[in-house]
Amino acid sequence: MKLKGIIFDGDGVLFDTEKLHVIAWKKVFLMYNINPNSINFEEGIGVEDYLFLKNLKEKCKIPNNIPIEKLVRLKNEKLLEIVKKDNIEISEKIKEILKFLKGKFKLAIASNSEKRFIIKVIEKLKIVKFFDVITTKNDVKNPKPFPDIYILTSKKLHISPENLIAFEDSETGIISAKKSGIFCAGVKTTSSFEKLKLADIIIDELNLENVKKVIEIFEKKNEN
C-alpha cells in the first residue's frame, strides 16, 4: 500500500495545549465549588469532554445535579478566552515536519476538541495552510474512541484508510485510528507506554527523524 496521507491529533501531538484544557476545567470547577485537586486530569487526555465528565460523575467527583452540558459549554468558553490571551507557540520541530510533509502527502487534523478551539489555535500558530482537512468532534456523532472521526477524515481526504498514517498521543485516539483501519504511531508526550501499546509503533517524540522512521516502517510493512 502506498502512503498518501498523514493525520495528526491536535492537543499533545501538534501543539502543547493539554495544559490549557486543564486550566479551563479548573476555572469551571471552582465556579461550582468542585475541588480541582480531587480530579485526575490525566484521565481526560484524548477523552471527549462529555465522556470525561460522565466518568467523573460515576466516581462521585461531580454532583449529579450539575448538568454536564452546561459544564462543557462553560469550559469551551473559558478555553477560547485562554487561547486568545495565551501566547501559545509551536515548536520548530513541528514546523520542520509540516514543511517536509507538505506537497508529498495530504495532511489532516483529527481532534476530539471543539472545532472553534482547533481553528483558533492553528490560526494563531499560522499553520492553517499545511492542512487539507480538519475534523473535530463537532463533525461526528460519536467522538474517539469510536472510529467516526478517522473514517470521516479519510473520506474528506479521498484516501483509503490503508493508505494513511495517524499520529496519536492517547489510548482513546489510538483505538479510534486502529478501528478505522489506519496505521497508527503512538507519541509518548502525554501518556505512558502502557497507554500506547495498541499502536503499530511508539515514538518518544514527534520530530522529523521519527516521522521519517514511521513512514519507512509503514512502507516496508506494505511492500507486498
N, C-alpha and C. Protein backbone atom coordinates (compact mmCIF):
# COMPACT_ATOMS: atom_id res chain seq x y z
N MET A 1 0.84 -1.19 0.00
CA MET A 1 0.00 0.00 0.00
C MET A 1 0.88 1.25 0.00
N LYS A 2 0.55 2.20 -0.84
CA LYS A 2 1.33 3.43 -0.92
C LYS A 2 0.78 4.46 0.07
N LEU A 3 1.69 5.12 0.79
CA LEU A 3 1.28 6.17 1.72
C LEU A 3 0.85 7.40 0.94
N LYS A 4 -0.36 7.88 1.24
CA LYS A 4 -0.88 9.05 0.53
C LYS A 4 -1.24 10.21 1.44
N GLY A 5 -1.42 9.91 2.74
CA GLY A 5 -1.82 10.97 3.64
C GLY A 5 -1.42 10.71 5.08
N ILE A 6 -1.31 11.79 5.86
CA ILE A 6 -0.95 11.69 7.27
C ILE A 6 -1.92 12.54 8.09
N ILE A 7 -2.43 11.93 9.17
CA ILE A 7 -3.40 12.59 10.04
C ILE A 7 -2.79 12.77 11.43
N PHE A 8 -2.91 13.96 11.95
CA PHE A 8 -2.39 14.26 13.29
C PHE A 8 -3.53 14.56 14.26
N ASP A 9 -3.42 14.02 15.47
CA ASP A 9 -4.25 14.54 16.55
C ASP A 9 -3.71 15.94 16.86
N GLY A 10 -4.52 16.78 17.50
CA GLY A 10 -4.08 18.14 17.79
C GLY A 10 -3.41 18.29 19.14
N ASP A 11 -4.23 18.30 20.20
CA ASP A 11 -3.71 18.50 21.56
C ASP A 11 -2.70 17.43 21.96
N GLY A 12 -1.50 17.87 22.34
CA GLY A 12 -0.49 16.93 22.82
C GLY A 12 0.35 16.33 21.71
N VAL A 13 -0.07 16.49 20.46
CA VAL A 13 0.70 15.95 19.33
C VAL A 13 1.30 17.10 18.52
N LEU A 14 0.44 17.88 17.88
CA LEU A 14 0.92 19.02 17.09
C LEU A 14 1.25 20.22 17.98
N PHE A 15 0.44 20.43 19.00
CA PHE A 15 0.66 21.58 19.87
C PHE A 15 0.43 21.23 21.33
N ASP A 16 1.17 21.93 22.18
CA ASP A 16 1.16 21.65 23.62
C ASP A 16 0.01 22.41 24.29
N THR A 17 -1.20 21.91 24.07
CA THR A 17 -2.39 22.62 24.59
C THR A 17 -3.15 21.82 25.65
N GLU A 18 -2.67 20.64 26.00
CA GLU A 18 -3.36 19.86 27.04
C GLU A 18 -3.47 20.67 28.33
N LYS A 19 -2.42 21.44 28.64
CA LYS A 19 -2.41 22.23 29.87
C LYS A 19 -3.50 23.31 29.85
N LEU A 20 -3.84 23.80 28.64
CA LEU A 20 -4.89 24.83 28.53
C LEU A 20 -6.25 24.25 28.87
N HIS A 21 -6.47 22.99 28.49
CA HIS A 21 -7.73 22.31 28.84
C HIS A 21 -7.85 22.18 30.36
N VAL A 22 -6.74 21.84 31.00
CA VAL A 22 -6.74 21.68 32.46
C VAL A 22 -7.06 23.01 33.14
N ILE A 23 -6.43 24.09 32.66
CA ILE A 23 -6.68 25.42 33.22
C ILE A 23 -8.16 25.79 33.09
N ALA A 24 -8.73 25.52 31.90
CA ALA A 24 -10.14 25.83 31.65
C ALA A 24 -11.05 25.04 32.58
N TRP A 25 -10.76 23.73 32.71
CA TRP A 25 -11.57 22.89 33.59
C TRP A 25 -11.50 23.39 35.04
N LYS A 26 -10.31 23.75 35.49
CA LYS A 26 -10.16 24.21 36.88
C LYS A 26 -10.99 25.46 37.14
N LYS A 27 -11.00 26.38 36.18
CA LYS A 27 -11.79 27.59 36.32
C LYS A 27 -13.28 27.26 36.47
N VAL A 28 -13.75 26.32 35.64
CA VAL A 28 -15.17 25.94 35.68
C VAL A 28 -15.51 25.21 36.98
N PHE A 29 -14.65 24.28 37.38
CA PHE A 29 -14.92 23.52 38.61
C PHE A 29 -14.98 24.43 39.83
N LEU A 30 -14.12 25.42 39.88
CA LEU A 30 -14.13 26.36 41.01
C LEU A 30 -15.42 27.17 41.06
N MET A 31 -16.01 27.43 39.88
CA MET A 31 -17.29 28.15 39.83
C MET A 31 -18.39 27.36 40.52
N TYR A 32 -18.25 26.04 40.55
CA TYR A 32 -19.27 25.17 41.14
C TYR A 32 -18.79 24.52 42.45
N ASN A 33 -17.73 25.10 43.03
CA ASN A 33 -17.18 24.60 44.30
C ASN A 33 -16.75 23.14 44.24
N ILE A 34 -16.32 22.74 43.05
CA ILE A 34 -15.75 21.40 42.89
C ILE A 34 -14.25 21.54 43.07
N ASN A 35 -13.67 20.73 43.92
CA ASN A 35 -12.24 20.82 44.22
C ASN A 35 -11.41 20.26 43.06
N PRO A 36 -10.70 21.12 42.32
CA PRO A 36 -9.90 20.63 41.18
C PRO A 36 -8.81 19.64 41.59
N ASN A 37 -8.33 19.77 42.84
CA ASN A 37 -7.27 18.88 43.31
C ASN A 37 -7.73 17.43 43.45
N SER A 38 -9.05 17.24 43.46
CA SER A 38 -9.59 15.88 43.59
C SER A 38 -9.74 15.20 42.23
N ILE A 39 -9.45 15.96 41.16
CA ILE A 39 -9.64 15.45 39.80
C ILE A 39 -8.32 14.98 39.22
N ASN A 40 -8.33 13.78 38.65
CA ASN A 40 -7.15 13.29 37.93
C ASN A 40 -7.31 13.69 36.46
N PHE A 41 -6.68 14.79 36.08
CA PHE A 41 -6.86 15.33 34.74
C PHE A 41 -6.21 14.46 33.66
N GLU A 42 -5.28 13.59 34.07
CA GLU A 42 -4.66 12.68 33.10
C GLU A 42 -5.70 11.74 32.48
N GLU A 43 -6.76 11.47 33.23
CA GLU A 43 -7.82 10.60 32.72
C GLU A 43 -8.58 11.26 31.57
N GLY A 44 -8.42 12.58 31.43
CA GLY A 44 -9.11 13.30 30.38
C GLY A 44 -8.31 13.48 29.11
N ILE A 45 -7.05 13.01 29.11
CA ILE A 45 -6.20 13.17 27.92
C ILE A 45 -6.77 12.38 26.75
N GLY A 46 -7.10 13.09 25.69
CA GLY A 46 -7.64 12.44 24.50
C GLY A 46 -9.11 12.07 24.60
N VAL A 47 -9.70 12.26 25.78
CA VAL A 47 -11.09 11.86 26.01
C VAL A 47 -12.01 13.05 25.75
N GLU A 48 -13.09 12.81 25.04
CA GLU A 48 -14.06 13.86 24.74
C GLU A 48 -14.68 14.38 26.04
N ASP A 49 -14.98 15.68 26.09
CA ASP A 49 -15.39 16.34 27.34
C ASP A 49 -16.58 15.69 28.03
N TYR A 50 -17.61 15.34 27.27
CA TYR A 50 -18.82 14.74 27.87
C TYR A 50 -18.47 13.43 28.57
N LEU A 51 -17.65 12.61 27.91
CA LEU A 51 -17.27 11.33 28.49
C LEU A 51 -16.39 11.52 29.72
N PHE A 52 -15.50 12.51 29.66
CA PHE A 52 -14.64 12.84 30.81
C PHE A 52 -15.48 13.19 32.03
N LEU A 53 -16.49 14.05 31.83
CA LEU A 53 -17.36 14.45 32.95
C LEU A 53 -18.26 13.31 33.41
N LYS A 54 -18.72 12.50 32.47
CA LYS A 54 -19.56 11.35 32.82
C LYS A 54 -18.79 10.40 33.74
N ASN A 55 -17.51 10.18 33.39
CA ASN A 55 -16.67 9.31 34.22
C ASN A 55 -16.46 9.91 35.61
N LEU A 56 -16.31 11.23 35.67
CA LEU A 56 -16.13 11.89 36.97
C LEU A 56 -17.39 11.79 37.82
N LYS A 57 -18.55 11.91 37.18
CA LYS A 57 -19.82 11.78 37.92
C LYS A 57 -19.96 10.37 38.48
N GLU A 58 -19.58 9.38 37.69
CA GLU A 58 -19.68 7.99 38.15
C GLU A 58 -18.78 7.74 39.35
N LYS A 59 -17.70 8.52 39.45
CA LYS A 59 -16.77 8.39 40.57
C LYS A 59 -17.12 9.35 41.71
N CYS A 60 -18.28 10.01 41.56
CA CYS A 60 -18.79 10.94 42.57
C CYS A 60 -17.87 12.14 42.80
N LYS A 61 -17.14 12.53 41.78
CA LYS A 61 -16.28 13.71 41.85
C LYS A 61 -17.06 14.98 41.53
N ILE A 62 -18.19 14.80 40.82
CA ILE A 62 -19.05 15.93 40.44
C ILE A 62 -20.47 15.61 40.90
N PRO A 63 -21.14 16.56 41.56
CA PRO A 63 -22.53 16.32 42.00
C PRO A 63 -23.46 16.00 40.83
N ASN A 64 -24.39 15.11 41.04
CA ASN A 64 -25.31 14.68 39.98
C ASN A 64 -26.23 15.79 39.50
N ASN A 65 -26.46 16.79 40.34
CA ASN A 65 -27.42 17.84 39.95
C ASN A 65 -26.81 18.91 39.03
N ILE A 66 -25.53 18.81 38.72
CA ILE A 66 -24.88 19.77 37.82
C ILE A 66 -24.90 19.20 36.40
N PRO A 67 -25.57 19.87 35.45
CA PRO A 67 -25.68 19.36 34.09
C PRO A 67 -24.34 19.33 33.36
N ILE A 68 -24.03 18.20 32.77
CA ILE A 68 -22.78 18.05 32.01
C ILE A 68 -22.72 19.05 30.87
N GLU A 69 -23.85 19.24 30.17
CA GLU A 69 -23.87 20.14 29.01
C GLU A 69 -23.43 21.55 29.39
N LYS A 70 -23.88 22.01 30.56
CA LYS A 70 -23.53 23.36 31.00
C LYS A 70 -22.05 23.46 31.31
N LEU A 71 -21.50 22.45 31.96
CA LEU A 71 -20.07 22.45 32.29
C LEU A 71 -19.22 22.47 31.03
N VAL A 72 -19.62 21.67 30.04
CA VAL A 72 -18.87 21.62 28.78
C VAL A 72 -18.92 22.96 28.06
N ARG A 73 -20.10 23.57 28.04
CA ARG A 73 -20.25 24.86 27.37
C ARG A 73 -19.37 25.92 28.04
N LEU A 74 -19.38 25.96 29.36
CA LEU A 74 -18.56 26.92 30.09
C LEU A 74 -17.07 26.65 29.87
N LYS A 75 -16.70 25.39 29.85
CA LYS A 75 -15.29 25.04 29.64
C LYS A 75 -14.82 25.51 28.28
N ASN A 76 -15.63 25.31 27.25
CA ASN A 76 -15.26 25.73 25.90
C ASN A 76 -15.13 27.24 25.81
N GLU A 77 -15.99 27.96 26.53
CA GLU A 77 -15.90 29.42 26.56
C GLU A 77 -14.61 29.87 27.23
N LYS A 78 -14.29 29.24 28.38
CA LYS A 78 -13.05 29.57 29.09
C LYS A 78 -11.82 29.23 28.25
N LEU A 79 -11.90 28.12 27.53
CA LEU A 79 -10.78 27.67 26.70
C LEU A 79 -10.48 28.67 25.59
N LEU A 80 -11.53 29.16 24.95
CA LEU A 80 -11.35 30.15 23.88
C LEU A 80 -10.78 31.46 24.44
N GLU A 81 -11.22 31.83 25.63
CA GLU A 81 -10.68 33.03 26.27
C GLU A 81 -9.19 32.87 26.54
N ILE A 82 -8.81 31.70 27.01
CA ILE A 82 -7.41 31.42 27.32
C ILE A 82 -6.56 31.46 26.05
N VAL A 83 -7.04 30.85 24.98
CA VAL A 83 -6.29 30.82 23.72
C VAL A 83 -6.07 32.22 23.17
N LYS A 84 -7.10 33.06 23.29
CA LYS A 84 -6.99 34.44 22.79
C LYS A 84 -5.94 35.23 23.56
N LYS A 85 -5.83 34.95 24.87
CA LYS A 85 -4.91 35.70 25.73
C LYS A 85 -3.53 35.05 25.82
N ASP A 86 -3.48 33.72 25.77
CA ASP A 86 -2.24 32.99 26.00
C ASP A 86 -1.31 33.07 24.80
N ASN A 87 -0.04 33.22 25.06
CA ASN A 87 0.95 33.29 23.98
C ASN A 87 1.42 31.88 23.62
N ILE A 88 0.54 31.11 22.97
CA ILE A 88 0.89 29.74 22.61
C ILE A 88 1.86 29.73 21.43
N GLU A 89 2.72 28.74 21.41
CA GLU A 89 3.73 28.63 20.36
C GLU A 89 3.75 27.20 19.83
N ILE A 90 4.30 27.06 18.64
CA ILE A 90 4.50 25.73 18.07
C ILE A 90 6.00 25.49 17.97
N SER A 91 6.44 24.29 18.24
CA SER A 91 7.87 24.01 18.25
C SER A 91 8.45 24.03 16.84
N GLU A 92 9.73 24.32 16.77
CA GLU A 92 10.43 24.32 15.47
C GLU A 92 10.43 22.92 14.88
N LYS A 93 10.41 21.90 15.74
CA LYS A 93 10.39 20.51 15.26
C LYS A 93 9.10 20.22 14.48
N ILE A 94 7.98 20.72 14.98
CA ILE A 94 6.70 20.52 14.30
C ILE A 94 6.67 21.30 12.98
N LYS A 95 7.16 22.51 13.00
CA LYS A 95 7.24 23.30 11.75
C LYS A 95 8.07 22.56 10.70
N GLU A 96 9.17 21.99 11.14
CA GLU A 96 10.06 21.26 10.23
C GLU A 96 9.34 20.06 9.62
N ILE A 97 8.57 19.36 10.44
CA ILE A 97 7.81 18.19 9.98
C ILE A 97 6.78 18.61 8.93
N LEU A 98 6.02 19.64 9.24
CA LEU A 98 4.96 20.08 8.33
C LEU A 98 5.52 20.56 6.99
N LYS A 99 6.62 21.29 7.04
CA LYS A 99 7.26 21.77 5.81
C LYS A 99 7.78 20.60 4.97
N PHE A 100 8.30 19.58 5.64
CA PHE A 100 8.82 18.41 4.94
C PHE A 100 7.69 17.61 4.27
N LEU A 101 6.56 17.46 4.99
CA LEU A 101 5.47 16.62 4.51
C LEU A 101 4.59 17.29 3.45
N LYS A 102 4.45 18.63 3.56
CA LYS A 102 3.55 19.35 2.66
C LYS A 102 4.00 19.19 1.21
N GLY A 103 3.07 18.79 0.37
CA GLY A 103 3.38 18.57 -1.05
C GLY A 103 3.71 17.13 -1.36
N LYS A 104 4.17 16.39 -0.34
CA LYS A 104 4.45 14.96 -0.52
C LYS A 104 3.22 14.11 -0.22
N PHE A 105 2.46 14.55 0.80
CA PHE A 105 1.27 13.82 1.23
C PHE A 105 0.17 14.82 1.56
N LYS A 106 -1.08 14.35 1.56
CA LYS A 106 -2.17 15.17 2.07
C LYS A 106 -2.11 15.12 3.60
N LEU A 107 -2.40 16.25 4.23
CA LEU A 107 -2.29 16.34 5.69
C LEU A 107 -3.62 16.74 6.31
N ALA A 108 -3.90 16.18 7.50
CA ALA A 108 -5.16 16.47 8.17
C ALA A 108 -4.97 16.50 9.68
N ILE A 109 -5.93 17.14 10.35
CA ILE A 109 -6.03 17.09 11.82
C ILE A 109 -7.34 16.38 12.15
N ALA A 110 -7.28 15.45 13.10
CA ALA A 110 -8.48 14.76 13.59
C ALA A 110 -8.47 14.87 15.11
N SER A 111 -9.36 15.71 15.65
CA SER A 111 -9.29 16.04 17.07
C SER A 111 -10.61 15.83 17.80
N ASN A 112 -10.49 15.43 19.06
CA ASN A 112 -11.67 15.30 19.94
C ASN A 112 -12.05 16.63 20.57
N SER A 113 -11.30 17.68 20.27
CA SER A 113 -11.61 19.01 20.80
C SER A 113 -12.67 19.69 19.94
N GLU A 114 -13.16 20.82 20.45
CA GLU A 114 -14.17 21.58 19.72
C GLU A 114 -13.52 22.28 18.52
N LYS A 115 -14.27 22.37 17.42
CA LYS A 115 -13.72 22.93 16.18
C LYS A 115 -13.27 24.39 16.36
N ARG A 116 -14.07 25.20 17.08
CA ARG A 116 -13.70 26.61 17.26
C ARG A 116 -12.32 26.73 17.90
N PHE A 117 -12.05 25.85 18.85
CA PHE A 117 -10.77 25.86 19.56
C PHE A 117 -9.63 25.49 18.62
N ILE A 118 -9.79 24.39 17.89
CA ILE A 118 -8.74 23.93 16.98
C ILE A 118 -8.45 24.98 15.90
N ILE A 119 -9.49 25.55 15.32
CA ILE A 119 -9.31 26.57 14.29
C ILE A 119 -8.56 27.77 14.86
N LYS A 120 -8.96 28.21 16.06
CA LYS A 120 -8.32 29.37 16.69
C LYS A 120 -6.83 29.09 16.95
N VAL A 121 -6.52 27.88 17.39
CA VAL A 121 -5.13 27.52 17.68
C VAL A 121 -4.28 27.52 16.41
N ILE A 122 -4.76 26.84 15.36
CA ILE A 122 -3.92 26.75 14.15
C ILE A 122 -3.83 28.09 13.42
N GLU A 123 -4.84 28.94 13.60
CA GLU A 123 -4.76 30.29 13.04
C GLU A 123 -3.71 31.11 13.79
N LYS A 124 -3.74 30.98 15.10
CA LYS A 124 -2.79 31.73 15.93
C LYS A 124 -1.35 31.25 15.69
N LEU A 125 -1.19 29.96 15.42
CA LEU A 125 0.13 29.39 15.17
C LEU A 125 0.57 29.53 13.71
N LYS A 126 -0.35 30.04 12.87
CA LYS A 126 -0.07 30.27 11.44
C LYS A 126 0.33 28.99 10.72
N ILE A 127 -0.42 27.91 10.98
CA ILE A 127 -0.14 26.64 10.29
C ILE A 127 -1.35 26.11 9.51
N VAL A 128 -2.37 26.96 9.34
CA VAL A 128 -3.59 26.55 8.62
C VAL A 128 -3.25 26.03 7.23
N LYS A 129 -2.32 26.70 6.55
CA LYS A 129 -2.01 26.39 5.15
C LYS A 129 -1.50 24.97 4.93
N PHE A 130 -1.03 24.33 5.99
CA PHE A 130 -0.46 23.00 5.83
C PHE A 130 -1.52 21.89 5.73
N PHE A 131 -2.76 22.17 6.14
CA PHE A 131 -3.75 21.11 6.27
C PHE A 131 -4.84 21.14 5.20
N ASP A 132 -5.07 19.97 4.63
CA ASP A 132 -6.12 19.83 3.62
C ASP A 132 -7.49 19.61 4.25
N VAL A 133 -7.50 18.99 5.44
CA VAL A 133 -8.75 18.66 6.12
C VAL A 133 -8.58 18.85 7.63
N ILE A 134 -9.61 19.39 8.27
CA ILE A 134 -9.64 19.50 9.73
C ILE A 134 -10.96 18.92 10.22
N THR A 135 -10.88 17.85 10.99
CA THR A 135 -12.07 17.18 11.50
C THR A 135 -12.04 17.20 13.03
N THR A 136 -13.17 17.53 13.65
CA THR A 136 -13.23 17.57 15.11
C THR A 136 -14.48 16.84 15.60
N LYS A 137 -14.66 16.84 16.90
CA LYS A 137 -15.82 16.15 17.50
C LYS A 137 -17.14 16.73 17.01
N ASN A 138 -17.13 17.99 16.56
CA ASN A 138 -18.35 18.63 16.08
C ASN A 138 -18.84 18.05 14.76
N ASP A 139 -17.97 17.33 14.07
CA ASP A 139 -18.30 16.79 12.75
C ASP A 139 -18.88 15.39 12.77
N VAL A 140 -18.87 14.76 13.94
CA VAL A 140 -19.32 13.36 14.02
C VAL A 140 -20.29 13.16 15.18
N LYS A 141 -21.05 12.09 15.10
CA LYS A 141 -21.97 11.75 16.19
C LYS A 141 -21.21 11.15 17.36
N ASN A 142 -20.25 10.29 17.05
CA ASN A 142 -19.51 9.59 18.09
C ASN A 142 -18.03 9.98 18.04
N PRO A 143 -17.50 10.62 19.10
CA PRO A 143 -16.09 11.02 19.13
C PRO A 143 -15.17 9.82 19.37
N LYS A 144 -13.88 10.05 19.38
CA LYS A 144 -12.93 8.99 19.76
C LYS A 144 -13.30 8.50 21.16
N PRO A 145 -13.24 7.22 21.47
CA PRO A 145 -12.54 6.14 20.77
C PRO A 145 -13.31 5.49 19.61
N PHE A 146 -14.50 5.98 19.29
CA PHE A 146 -15.19 5.47 18.10
C PHE A 146 -14.38 5.87 16.87
N PRO A 147 -14.48 5.11 15.79
CA PRO A 147 -13.67 5.40 14.60
C PRO A 147 -14.21 6.50 13.71
N ASP A 148 -15.36 7.08 14.07
CA ASP A 148 -16.05 8.03 13.19
C ASP A 148 -15.18 9.17 12.67
N ILE A 149 -14.38 9.78 13.57
CA ILE A 149 -13.55 10.92 13.16
C ILE A 149 -12.55 10.52 12.09
N TYR A 150 -11.93 9.35 12.26
CA TYR A 150 -10.93 8.92 11.28
C TYR A 150 -11.58 8.45 9.98
N ILE A 151 -12.72 7.83 10.08
CA ILE A 151 -13.44 7.41 8.86
C ILE A 151 -13.83 8.63 8.04
N LEU A 152 -14.37 9.65 8.73
CA LEU A 152 -14.77 10.87 8.04
C LEU A 152 -13.56 11.60 7.45
N THR A 153 -12.47 11.67 8.19
CA THR A 153 -11.26 12.34 7.70
C THR A 153 -10.72 11.63 6.46
N SER A 154 -10.75 10.32 6.50
CA SER A 154 -10.32 9.52 5.34
C SER A 154 -11.17 9.85 4.11
N LYS A 155 -12.47 9.95 4.31
CA LYS A 155 -13.39 10.27 3.20
C LYS A 155 -13.14 11.67 2.66
N LYS A 156 -12.93 12.63 3.58
CA LYS A 156 -12.68 14.00 3.16
C LYS A 156 -11.38 14.14 2.38
N LEU A 157 -10.40 13.33 2.75
CA LEU A 157 -9.11 13.34 2.06
C LEU A 157 -9.16 12.59 0.73
N HIS A 158 -10.23 11.77 0.57
CA HIS A 158 -10.37 10.89 -0.60
C HIS A 158 -9.20 9.89 -0.66
N ILE A 159 -8.86 9.38 0.54
CA ILE A 159 -7.79 8.40 0.67
C ILE A 159 -8.29 7.24 1.51
N SER A 160 -8.05 6.02 1.06
CA SER A 160 -8.46 4.83 1.82
C SER A 160 -7.66 4.74 3.11
N PRO A 161 -8.26 4.21 4.19
CA PRO A 161 -7.57 4.10 5.48
C PRO A 161 -6.22 3.38 5.40
N GLU A 162 -6.13 2.38 4.52
CA GLU A 162 -4.87 1.62 4.44
C GLU A 162 -3.73 2.43 3.83
N ASN A 163 -4.03 3.61 3.28
CA ASN A 163 -3.01 4.48 2.69
C ASN A 163 -2.70 5.68 3.59
N LEU A 164 -3.07 5.55 4.87
CA LEU A 164 -2.90 6.66 5.81
C LEU A 164 -2.10 6.25 7.05
N ILE A 165 -1.44 7.24 7.64
CA ILE A 165 -0.80 7.09 8.95
C ILE A 165 -1.42 8.11 9.89
N ALA A 166 -1.69 7.69 11.13
CA ALA A 166 -2.18 8.62 12.16
C ALA A 166 -1.15 8.73 13.28
N PHE A 167 -0.99 9.94 13.81
CA PHE A 167 -0.13 10.16 14.97
C PHE A 167 -1.01 10.55 16.15
N GLU A 168 -0.97 9.75 17.22
CA GLU A 168 -1.81 9.94 18.39
C GLU A 168 -1.01 9.85 19.68
N ASP A 169 -1.46 10.57 20.71
CA ASP A 169 -0.76 10.54 21.99
C ASP A 169 -1.59 9.93 23.11
N SER A 170 -2.76 9.37 22.78
CA SER A 170 -3.62 8.80 23.82
C SER A 170 -4.18 7.45 23.40
N GLU A 171 -4.52 6.67 24.40
CA GLU A 171 -5.14 5.36 24.15
C GLU A 171 -6.45 5.53 23.39
N THR A 172 -7.22 6.55 23.77
CA THR A 172 -8.50 6.84 23.11
C THR A 172 -8.31 7.07 21.61
N GLY A 173 -7.33 7.89 21.27
CA GLY A 173 -7.08 8.20 19.87
C GLY A 173 -6.56 7.02 19.08
N ILE A 174 -5.69 6.24 19.71
CA ILE A 174 -5.12 5.07 19.04
C ILE A 174 -6.22 4.05 18.72
N ILE A 175 -7.11 3.83 19.68
CA ILE A 175 -8.22 2.90 19.45
C ILE A 175 -9.07 3.38 18.27
N SER A 176 -9.34 4.68 18.23
CA SER A 176 -10.13 5.26 17.15
C SER A 176 -9.48 5.03 15.80
N ALA A 177 -8.19 5.32 15.71
CA ALA A 177 -7.47 5.16 14.43
C ALA A 177 -7.41 3.69 14.00
N LYS A 178 -7.10 2.82 14.94
CA LYS A 178 -6.98 1.39 14.62
C LYS A 178 -8.32 0.79 14.20
N LYS A 179 -9.40 1.21 14.85
CA LYS A 179 -10.73 0.70 14.48
C LYS A 179 -11.12 1.11 13.07
N SER A 180 -10.56 2.21 12.60
CA SER A 180 -10.88 2.67 11.25
C SER A 180 -9.98 2.04 10.20
N GLY A 181 -8.98 1.27 10.66
CA GLY A 181 -8.09 0.58 9.73
C GLY A 181 -6.85 1.37 9.35
N ILE A 182 -6.53 2.39 10.14
CA ILE A 182 -5.38 3.25 9.85
C ILE A 182 -4.17 2.84 10.69
N PHE A 183 -3.00 2.79 10.05
CA PHE A 183 -1.72 2.54 10.73
C PHE A 183 -1.48 3.69 11.70
N CYS A 184 -1.20 3.36 12.96
CA CYS A 184 -1.12 4.40 13.99
C CYS A 184 0.22 4.40 14.73
N ALA A 185 0.80 5.59 14.82
CA ALA A 185 2.02 5.79 15.61
C ALA A 185 1.65 6.46 16.92
N GLY A 186 2.02 5.86 18.03
CA GLY A 186 1.78 6.45 19.34
C GLY A 186 2.93 7.37 19.72
N VAL A 187 2.60 8.58 20.15
CA VAL A 187 3.62 9.56 20.53
C VAL A 187 3.63 9.70 22.05
N LYS A 188 4.78 9.41 22.66
CA LYS A 188 4.86 9.34 24.12
C LYS A 188 5.10 10.73 24.74
N THR A 189 4.18 11.66 24.46
CA THR A 189 4.31 13.01 25.01
C THR A 189 3.45 13.23 26.24
N THR A 190 2.27 12.63 26.27
CA THR A 190 1.36 12.86 27.39
C THR A 190 0.92 11.56 28.08
N SER A 191 1.21 10.42 27.46
CA SER A 191 0.75 9.13 28.01
C SER A 191 1.92 8.16 28.17
N SER A 192 1.74 7.20 29.06
CA SER A 192 2.77 6.19 29.30
C SER A 192 2.79 5.16 28.18
N PHE A 193 3.85 4.37 28.15
CA PHE A 193 3.98 3.30 27.16
C PHE A 193 2.79 2.36 27.24
N GLU A 194 2.36 2.06 28.45
CA GLU A 194 1.24 1.14 28.66
C GLU A 194 -0.02 1.62 27.96
N LYS A 195 -0.26 2.93 28.00
CA LYS A 195 -1.44 3.52 27.37
C LYS A 195 -1.35 3.52 25.84
N LEU A 196 -0.13 3.40 25.32
CA LEU A 196 0.07 3.49 23.87
C LEU A 196 0.31 2.14 23.20
N LYS A 197 0.25 1.07 23.97
CA LYS A 197 0.70 -0.24 23.48
C LYS A 197 -0.12 -0.79 22.31
N LEU A 198 -1.30 -0.25 22.06
CA LEU A 198 -2.12 -0.73 20.94
C LEU A 198 -1.66 -0.13 19.59
N ALA A 199 -0.76 0.84 19.64
CA ALA A 199 -0.27 1.48 18.42
C ALA A 199 0.62 0.51 17.63
N ASP A 200 0.76 0.74 16.33
CA ASP A 200 1.63 -0.08 15.50
C ASP A 200 3.10 0.18 15.80
N ILE A 201 3.40 1.40 16.21
CA ILE A 201 4.76 1.78 16.60
C ILE A 201 4.65 2.90 17.62
N ILE A 202 5.60 2.97 18.54
CA ILE A 202 5.61 4.02 19.55
C ILE A 202 6.91 4.82 19.41
N ILE A 203 6.78 6.16 19.40
CA ILE A 203 7.95 7.03 19.32
C ILE A 203 7.98 7.93 20.54
N ASP A 204 9.20 8.32 20.95
CA ASP A 204 9.35 9.14 22.15
C ASP A 204 8.84 10.56 21.96
N GLU A 205 9.05 11.11 20.77
CA GLU A 205 8.60 12.47 20.49
C GLU A 205 8.35 12.63 19.01
N LEU A 206 7.64 13.69 18.67
CA LEU A 206 7.34 13.98 17.28
C LEU A 206 8.43 14.90 16.73
N ASN A 207 9.37 14.31 16.01
CA ASN A 207 10.38 15.08 15.30
C ASN A 207 10.54 14.49 13.91
N LEU A 208 11.27 15.18 13.05
CA LEU A 208 11.36 14.76 11.65
C LEU A 208 12.00 13.39 11.51
N GLU A 209 13.01 13.12 12.29
CA GLU A 209 13.68 11.82 12.23
C GLU A 209 12.71 10.69 12.55
N ASN A 210 11.90 10.87 13.59
CA ASN A 210 10.93 9.84 13.97
C ASN A 210 9.80 9.70 12.95
N VAL A 211 9.37 10.82 12.36
CA VAL A 211 8.33 10.77 11.33
C VAL A 211 8.83 9.98 10.12
N LYS A 212 10.06 10.24 9.72
CA LYS A 212 10.65 9.50 8.60
C LYS A 212 10.76 8.01 8.93
N LYS A 213 11.08 7.72 10.18
CA LYS A 213 11.18 6.33 10.64
C LYS A 213 9.83 5.63 10.55
N VAL A 214 8.77 6.32 11.00
CA VAL A 214 7.41 5.76 10.94
C VAL A 214 7.00 5.51 9.49
N ILE A 215 7.28 6.45 8.62
CA ILE A 215 6.94 6.30 7.19
C ILE A 215 7.68 5.12 6.59
N GLU A 216 8.95 4.98 6.94
CA GLU A 216 9.76 3.86 6.43
C GLU A 216 9.20 2.52 6.89
N ILE A 217 8.82 2.43 8.15
CA ILE A 217 8.24 1.18 8.68
C ILE A 217 6.91 0.88 8.00
N PHE A 218 6.09 1.91 7.82
CA PHE A 218 4.81 1.74 7.12
C PHE A 218 5.04 1.19 5.71
N GLU A 219 5.98 1.77 4.99
CA GLU A 219 6.23 1.36 3.60
C GLU A 219 6.79 -0.05 3.52
N LYS A 220 7.67 -0.43 4.46
CA LYS A 220 8.21 -1.79 4.48
C LYS A 220 7.12 -2.79 4.78
N LYS A 221 6.25 -2.42 5.71
CA LYS A 221 5.13 -3.29 6.11
C LYS A 221 4.19 -3.56 4.94
N ASN A 222 4.10 -2.58 4.03
CA ASN A 222 3.14 -2.68 2.95
C ASN A 222 3.79 -2.88 1.58
N GLU A 223 5.01 -3.39 1.57
CA GLU A 223 5.71 -3.61 0.29
C GLU A 223 5.02 -4.62 -0.60
N ASN A 224 4.50 -5.66 0.03
CA ASN A 224 3.91 -6.75 -0.75
C ASN A 224 2.41 -6.51 -1.03
